[in-house]
Amino acid sequence: MIIEKNGFVHHVFFWLKNPQSKEDLASLIEGLTKLKEASTIESFHIGKPAATNRNVIDSGYSVSWLLLFKNKEDQDSYQVDPIHLNFVDTCSHLWSKVIVYDTIGIE
């Protein structure tokens, strides 16, 4: 998908409390997969650290969640969508740290 001029990119990185737990990892991925039902999401990607090794790469996270929206308003709507709120309620016990990078296009 090509991001339009007003496009909004929302990239979330999760650090699991128990990074060695396959069950916790599976639960987080299952929760993220359910999030794709939010109507304002244009495209999404669930990822894990790639097997790359350069000094500028932070691969300490467990899972990433990349979302593409048409605009900031759609992303704002996603934040209060019951599907997203339910994800936070049911999965937040799994992570110890979350970092979000939100970007918009350069005009």
Protein backbone atom coordinates (compact mmCIF):
# COMPACT_ATOMS: atom_id res chain seq x y z
CA MET A 1 0.00 0.00 0.00
CA ILE A 2 1.21 3.47 -0.83
CA ILE A 3 0.77 5.95 2.00
CA GLU A 4 -1.06 9.03 0.81
CA LYS A 5 0.08 12.55 1.67
CA ASN A 6 -2.14 12.69 4.77
CA GLY A 7 -1.37 9.08 5.68
CA PHE A 8 -0.64 8.14 9.27
CA VAL A 9 1.79 5.41 10.35
CA HIS A 10 1.44 3.96 13.86
CA HIS A 11 4.26 1.59 14.87
CA VAL A 12 4.14 -0.08 18.28
CA PHE A 13 6.93 -2.13 19.86
CA PHE A 14 6.18 -4.53 22.74
CA TRP A 15 8.58 -5.99 25.28
CA LEU A 16 7.08 -9.05 26.94
CA LYS A 17 7.34 -9.41 30.72
CA ASN A 18 8.31 -13.04 30.11
CA PRO A 19 10.19 -12.94 26.80
CA GLN A 20 10.99 -16.66 26.93
CA SER A 21 7.31 -17.63 27.27
CA LYS A 22 5.95 -19.06 24.03
CA GLU A 23 2.46 -18.89 25.54
CA ASP A 24 2.71 -15.16 26.27
CA LEU A 25 4.08 -14.51 22.78
CA ALA A 26 1.21 -16.49 21.23
CA SER A 27 -1.34 -14.62 23.38
CA LEU A 28 0.01 -11.23 22.31
CA ILE A 29 0.03 -12.20 18.64
CA GLU A 30 -3.51 -13.55 18.95
CA GLY A 31 -4.63 -10.27 20.53
CA LEU A 32 -2.96 -8.22 17.79
CA THR A 33 -4.53 -10.40 15.11
CA LYS A 34 -7.99 -9.63 16.51
CA LEU A 35 -7.20 -5.90 16.31
CA LYS A 36 -7.19 -6.07 12.51
CA GLU A 37 -11.00 -5.96 12.70
CA ALA A 38 -10.91 -2.26 13.62
CA SER A 39 -12.56 -0.54 10.66
CA THR A 40 -10.14 2.38 10.23
CA ILE A 41 -7.03 0.23 9.72
CA GLU A 42 -5.92 0.34 6.08
CA SER A 43 -3.10 -2.16 6.46
CA PHE A 44 -1.16 -3.85 9.26
CA HIS A 45 1.92 -5.97 9.92
CA ILE A 46 2.81 -8.06 12.96
CA GLY A 47 6.54 -8.63 13.18
CA LYS A 48 9.43 -9.87 15.25
CA PRO A 49 13.03 -8.68 15.28
CA ALA A 50 14.80 -9.52 12.04
CA ALA A 51 18.07 -11.43 12.09
CA THR A 52 20.13 -8.33 11.37
CA ASN A 53 23.03 -6.98 13.35
CA ARG A 54 24.17 -3.38 13.00
CA ASN A 55 24.88 -0.87 15.75
CA VAL A 56 21.83 1.23 14.80
CA ILE A 57 19.34 -1.63 15.22
CA ASP A 58 17.33 -2.15 18.41
CA SER A 59 16.17 -5.74 18.40
CA GLY A 60 15.39 -5.98 22.11
CA TYR A 61 11.62 -5.91 21.63
CA SER A 62 9.46 -9.03 21.33
CA VAL A 63 6.78 -8.03 18.80
CA SER A 64 6.01 -5.03 16.62
CA TRP A 65 2.59 -3.89 15.36
CA LEU A 66 2.66 -1.60 12.34
CA LEU A 67 -0.57 0.11 11.27
CA LEU A 68 -1.35 2.32 8.31
CA PHE A 69 -4.27 4.75 8.41
CA LYS A 70 -5.65 7.14 5.80
CA ASN A 71 -5.23 10.08 8.19
CA LYS A 72 -4.78 11.13 11.81
CA GLU A 73 -8.53 11.17 12.40
CA ASP A 74 -8.78 7.47 11.54
CA GLN A 75 -5.92 6.71 13.93
CA ASP A 76 -7.62 8.77 16.64
CA SER A 77 -10.80 6.76 16.08
CA TYR A 78 -8.82 3.52 16.37
CA GLN A 79 -7.49 4.58 19.78
CA VAL A 80 -11.03 4.63 21.24
CA ASP A 81 -12.40 1.73 19.19
CA PRO A 82 -13.86 -0.94 21.52
CA ILE A 83 -11.73 -3.56 19.74
CA HIS A 84 -8.55 -1.64 20.65
CA LEU A 85 -9.72 -0.92 24.21
CA ASN A 86 -10.52 -4.62 24.69
CA PHE A 87 -7.02 -5.54 23.45
CA VAL A 88 -5.42 -3.24 26.02
CA ASP A 89 -7.65 -4.65 28.79
CA THR A 90 -6.97 -8.28 27.93
CA CYS A 91 -3.31 -8.16 26.88
CA SER A 92 -1.59 -5.38 28.83
CA HIS A 93 -0.57 -7.83 31.56
CA LEU A 94 1.73 -9.48 29.00
CA TRP A 95 4.11 -6.60 28.38
CA SER A 96 6.60 -4.72 30.53
CA LYS A 97 7.25 -1.91 28.06
CA VAL A 98 5.63 -0.39 24.98
CA ILE A 99 7.07 2.27 22.68
CA VAL A 100 5.01 3.92 19.95
CA TYR A 101 6.28 5.80 16.92
CA ASP A 102 3.61 7.80 15.09
CA THR A 103 4.50 9.53 11.83
CA ILE A 104 2.77 11.58 9.19
CA GLY A 105 3.93 12.39 5.69
CA ILE A 106 6.21 15.29 4.95
CA GLU A 107 4.46 17.88 2.84
